[in-house]
N, C-alpha and C. Protein backbone atom coordinates (compact mmCIF):
# COMPACT_ATOMS: atom_id res chain seq x y z
N MET A 1 -30.09 4.17 -42.24
CA MET A 1 -30.87 5.26 -41.72
C MET A 1 -31.43 4.92 -40.35
N PHE A 2 -31.95 3.70 -40.18
CA PHE A 2 -32.53 3.33 -38.90
C PHE A 2 -31.47 3.16 -37.81
N GLN A 3 -30.26 2.86 -38.21
CA GLN A 3 -29.19 2.71 -37.22
C GLN A 3 -28.91 4.04 -36.52
N SER A 4 -28.93 5.14 -37.25
CA SER A 4 -28.65 6.42 -36.62
C SER A 4 -29.80 6.85 -35.72
N ILE A 5 -31.03 6.51 -36.09
CA ILE A 5 -32.18 6.85 -35.26
C ILE A 5 -32.17 6.00 -33.99
N SER A 6 -31.90 4.72 -34.12
CA SER A 6 -31.90 3.87 -32.94
C SER A 6 -30.77 4.24 -31.99
N SER A 7 -29.69 4.81 -32.49
CA SER A 7 -28.60 5.18 -31.60
C SER A 7 -28.97 6.38 -30.74
N TRP A 8 -29.95 7.16 -31.17
CA TRP A 8 -30.40 8.27 -30.34
C TRP A 8 -31.08 7.77 -29.08
N TRP A 9 -31.80 6.67 -29.18
CA TRP A 9 -32.54 6.13 -28.05
C TRP A 9 -31.70 5.19 -27.19
N SER A 10 -30.69 4.62 -27.75
CA SER A 10 -29.83 3.72 -26.99
C SER A 10 -28.36 4.04 -27.27
N PRO A 11 -27.92 5.16 -26.75
CA PRO A 11 -26.54 5.55 -27.02
C PRO A 11 -25.56 4.61 -26.32
N THR A 12 -24.39 4.55 -26.86
CA THR A 12 -23.37 3.75 -26.20
C THR A 12 -22.93 4.52 -24.95
N PRO A 13 -22.75 3.83 -23.86
CA PRO A 13 -22.40 4.53 -22.62
C PRO A 13 -21.00 5.14 -22.71
N ALA A 14 -20.89 6.29 -22.11
CA ALA A 14 -19.59 6.97 -22.09
C ALA A 14 -18.65 6.21 -21.16
N PRO A 15 -17.39 6.19 -21.49
CA PRO A 15 -16.46 5.48 -20.60
C PRO A 15 -16.41 6.14 -19.23
N ALA A 16 -16.31 5.31 -18.21
CA ALA A 16 -16.27 5.83 -16.85
C ALA A 16 -14.95 6.56 -16.61
N PRO A 17 -15.00 7.69 -15.90
CA PRO A 17 -13.76 8.41 -15.63
C PRO A 17 -12.87 7.60 -14.69
N ALA A 18 -11.59 7.78 -14.84
CA ALA A 18 -10.65 7.07 -13.99
C ALA A 18 -10.82 7.53 -12.54
N PRO A 19 -10.80 6.62 -11.59
CA PRO A 19 -10.97 7.03 -10.19
C PRO A 19 -9.80 7.89 -9.74
N LYS A 20 -10.13 8.94 -9.01
CA LYS A 20 -9.10 9.84 -8.52
C LYS A 20 -8.43 9.21 -7.29
N GLU A 21 -7.15 9.45 -7.18
CA GLU A 21 -6.44 8.97 -6.00
C GLU A 21 -6.84 9.84 -4.82
N LYS A 22 -6.98 9.21 -3.67
CA LYS A 22 -7.30 9.94 -2.46
C LYS A 22 -6.10 10.80 -2.08
N TYR A 23 -6.36 12.02 -1.66
CA TYR A 23 -5.30 12.95 -1.28
C TYR A 23 -4.49 12.38 -0.12
N ASP A 24 -3.20 12.32 -0.30
CA ASP A 24 -2.30 11.81 0.73
C ASP A 24 -1.29 12.91 1.05
N PRO A 25 -1.42 13.58 2.20
CA PRO A 25 -0.50 14.67 2.51
C PRO A 25 0.93 14.22 2.73
N THR A 26 1.16 12.91 2.88
CA THR A 26 2.52 12.41 3.07
C THR A 26 3.20 12.09 1.75
N ASN A 27 2.46 12.17 0.64
CA ASN A 27 3.02 11.89 -0.67
C ASN A 27 3.54 13.19 -1.28
N PRO A 28 4.87 13.33 -1.43
CA PRO A 28 5.43 14.58 -1.97
C PRO A 28 4.92 14.93 -3.37
N LYS A 29 4.50 13.93 -4.15
CA LYS A 29 3.98 14.22 -5.49
C LYS A 29 2.62 14.90 -5.42
N MET A 30 1.83 14.57 -4.39
CA MET A 30 0.51 15.17 -4.23
C MET A 30 0.58 16.45 -3.39
N ASN A 31 1.56 16.53 -2.52
CA ASN A 31 1.65 17.64 -1.58
C ASN A 31 3.03 18.27 -1.63
N PRO A 32 3.22 19.31 -2.41
CA PRO A 32 4.53 19.94 -2.50
C PRO A 32 4.93 20.67 -1.21
N LEU A 33 3.99 20.89 -0.30
CA LEU A 33 4.31 21.54 0.97
C LEU A 33 5.05 20.60 1.92
N ASN A 34 5.03 19.31 1.62
CA ASN A 34 5.66 18.30 2.47
C ASN A 34 6.65 17.49 1.62
N PRO A 35 7.76 18.11 1.19
CA PRO A 35 8.68 17.43 0.28
C PRO A 35 9.39 16.23 0.91
N GLN A 36 9.48 16.18 2.23
CA GLN A 36 10.13 15.06 2.89
C GLN A 36 9.19 13.88 3.11
N GLY A 37 7.90 14.07 2.88
CA GLY A 37 6.93 13.00 3.06
C GLY A 37 6.70 12.64 4.52
N LEU A 38 6.76 13.64 5.41
CA LEU A 38 6.57 13.40 6.83
C LEU A 38 5.15 12.93 7.13
N LYS A 39 5.02 12.01 8.05
CA LYS A 39 3.71 11.58 8.53
C LYS A 39 3.30 12.52 9.66
N PRO A 40 2.00 12.60 9.96
CA PRO A 40 1.54 13.53 11.00
C PRO A 40 2.24 13.32 12.36
N CYS A 41 2.56 12.08 12.68
CA CYS A 41 3.19 11.82 13.97
C CYS A 41 4.60 12.40 14.06
N CYS A 42 5.25 12.63 12.93
CA CYS A 42 6.64 13.09 12.91
C CYS A 42 6.78 14.54 12.47
N ALA A 43 5.70 15.15 12.05
CA ALA A 43 5.74 16.53 11.56
C ALA A 43 5.72 17.51 12.74
N CYS A 44 6.36 18.62 12.59
CA CYS A 44 6.36 19.72 13.56
C CYS A 44 6.76 19.26 14.96
N PRO A 45 7.93 18.66 15.14
CA PRO A 45 8.29 18.15 16.46
C PRO A 45 8.44 19.23 17.53
N GLU A 46 8.87 20.44 17.14
CA GLU A 46 9.05 21.50 18.13
C GLU A 46 7.72 21.94 18.72
N THR A 47 6.76 22.22 17.84
CA THR A 47 5.46 22.68 18.35
C THR A 47 4.68 21.53 18.99
N LYS A 48 4.92 20.32 18.53
CA LYS A 48 4.24 19.17 19.11
C LYS A 48 4.70 18.95 20.55
N SER A 49 6.00 19.02 20.79
CA SER A 49 6.50 18.80 22.16
C SER A 49 6.06 19.93 23.08
N ALA A 50 6.03 21.17 22.59
CA ALA A 50 5.56 22.29 23.39
C ALA A 50 4.07 22.13 23.72
N ARG A 51 3.30 21.69 22.74
CA ARG A 51 1.87 21.45 22.96
C ARG A 51 1.65 20.37 24.01
N ASP A 52 2.38 19.25 23.86
CA ASP A 52 2.23 18.13 24.80
C ASP A 52 2.63 18.54 26.21
N ALA A 53 3.73 19.28 26.34
CA ALA A 53 4.19 19.73 27.65
C ALA A 53 3.16 20.65 28.30
N CYS A 54 2.57 21.53 27.51
CA CYS A 54 1.56 22.44 28.04
C CYS A 54 0.35 21.67 28.55
N PHE A 55 -0.11 20.68 27.78
CA PHE A 55 -1.27 19.91 28.21
C PHE A 55 -0.96 19.05 29.42
N LEU A 56 0.27 18.55 29.51
CA LEU A 56 0.65 17.76 30.69
C LEU A 56 0.72 18.63 31.94
N GLN A 57 1.20 19.85 31.77
CA GLN A 57 1.35 20.76 32.90
C GLN A 57 0.01 21.36 33.33
N ASN A 58 -0.82 21.73 32.36
CA ASN A 58 -2.05 22.47 32.66
C ASN A 58 -3.32 21.65 32.52
N GLY A 59 -3.23 20.46 31.98
CA GLY A 59 -4.44 19.70 31.72
C GLY A 59 -5.20 20.31 30.56
N SER A 60 -6.46 20.07 30.53
CA SER A 60 -7.25 20.59 29.42
C SER A 60 -8.03 21.84 29.80
N GLU A 61 -7.46 22.62 30.75
CA GLU A 61 -8.11 23.86 31.15
C GLU A 61 -8.23 24.77 29.93
N GLU A 62 -9.37 25.35 29.80
CA GLU A 62 -9.65 26.16 28.63
C GLU A 62 -8.79 27.41 28.59
N GLY A 63 -8.14 27.64 27.45
CA GLY A 63 -7.38 28.85 27.23
C GLY A 63 -5.92 28.79 27.65
N LYS A 64 -5.54 27.86 28.49
CA LYS A 64 -4.17 27.81 28.98
C LYS A 64 -3.18 27.50 27.85
N CYS A 65 -3.56 26.61 26.95
CA CYS A 65 -2.64 26.16 25.90
C CYS A 65 -3.10 26.58 24.50
N ALA A 66 -4.00 27.52 24.43
CA ALA A 66 -4.57 27.91 23.13
C ALA A 66 -3.51 28.43 22.17
N GLU A 67 -2.59 29.25 22.65
CA GLU A 67 -1.58 29.83 21.76
C GLU A 67 -0.62 28.76 21.24
N VAL A 68 -0.19 27.87 22.14
CA VAL A 68 0.71 26.79 21.74
C VAL A 68 0.02 25.85 20.77
N LEU A 69 -1.23 25.55 21.03
CA LEU A 69 -2.01 24.68 20.16
C LEU A 69 -2.20 25.31 18.79
N GLN A 70 -2.47 26.61 18.75
CA GLN A 70 -2.65 27.31 17.48
C GLN A 70 -1.37 27.29 16.65
N LYS A 71 -0.22 27.43 17.29
CA LYS A 71 1.05 27.37 16.56
C LYS A 71 1.27 25.99 15.95
N HIS A 72 0.89 24.96 16.70
CA HIS A 72 1.05 23.60 16.18
C HIS A 72 0.11 23.36 14.99
N VAL A 73 -1.11 23.82 15.10
CA VAL A 73 -2.07 23.67 14.01
C VAL A 73 -1.57 24.41 12.76
N GLU A 74 -1.04 25.61 12.93
CA GLU A 74 -0.51 26.36 11.79
C GLU A 74 0.66 25.64 11.15
N CYS A 75 1.52 25.04 11.97
CA CYS A 75 2.66 24.30 11.44
C CYS A 75 2.18 23.09 10.63
N MET A 76 1.22 22.36 11.16
CA MET A 76 0.70 21.18 10.47
C MET A 76 0.02 21.58 9.15
N ARG A 77 -0.76 22.63 9.18
CA ARG A 77 -1.41 23.09 7.95
C ARG A 77 -0.39 23.60 6.95
N GLY A 78 0.70 24.16 7.44
CA GLY A 78 1.77 24.62 6.56
C GLY A 78 2.44 23.47 5.81
N LEU A 79 2.32 22.26 6.36
CA LEU A 79 2.85 21.07 5.68
C LEU A 79 1.77 20.36 4.85
N GLY A 80 0.57 20.95 4.79
CA GLY A 80 -0.48 20.39 3.94
C GLY A 80 -1.41 19.42 4.63
N PHE A 81 -1.33 19.30 5.96
CA PHE A 81 -2.25 18.40 6.67
C PHE A 81 -3.55 19.13 6.96
N ASN A 82 -4.66 18.43 6.81
CA ASN A 82 -5.98 19.00 7.06
C ASN A 82 -6.40 18.67 8.48
N ILE A 83 -6.16 19.62 9.37
CA ILE A 83 -6.57 19.42 10.77
C ILE A 83 -7.37 20.59 11.24
């Protein structure tokens, strides 16, 4: 009888939950949007080169490369990257 009462005050600790794996957008098992497992440096080469060319030609002037940059961001997000 006293064992059940004492267990109310000192319960056995619940097992700790298993640690979750950190989200990896390059892992096809975690990210079905990126089945090839591309890394950010290799993803969206068409929009990346257009973005780089625009910035090289125009510098960082505001608004000059906004459309090209937005297309690259959309492409990267389409592959599951958080940018």
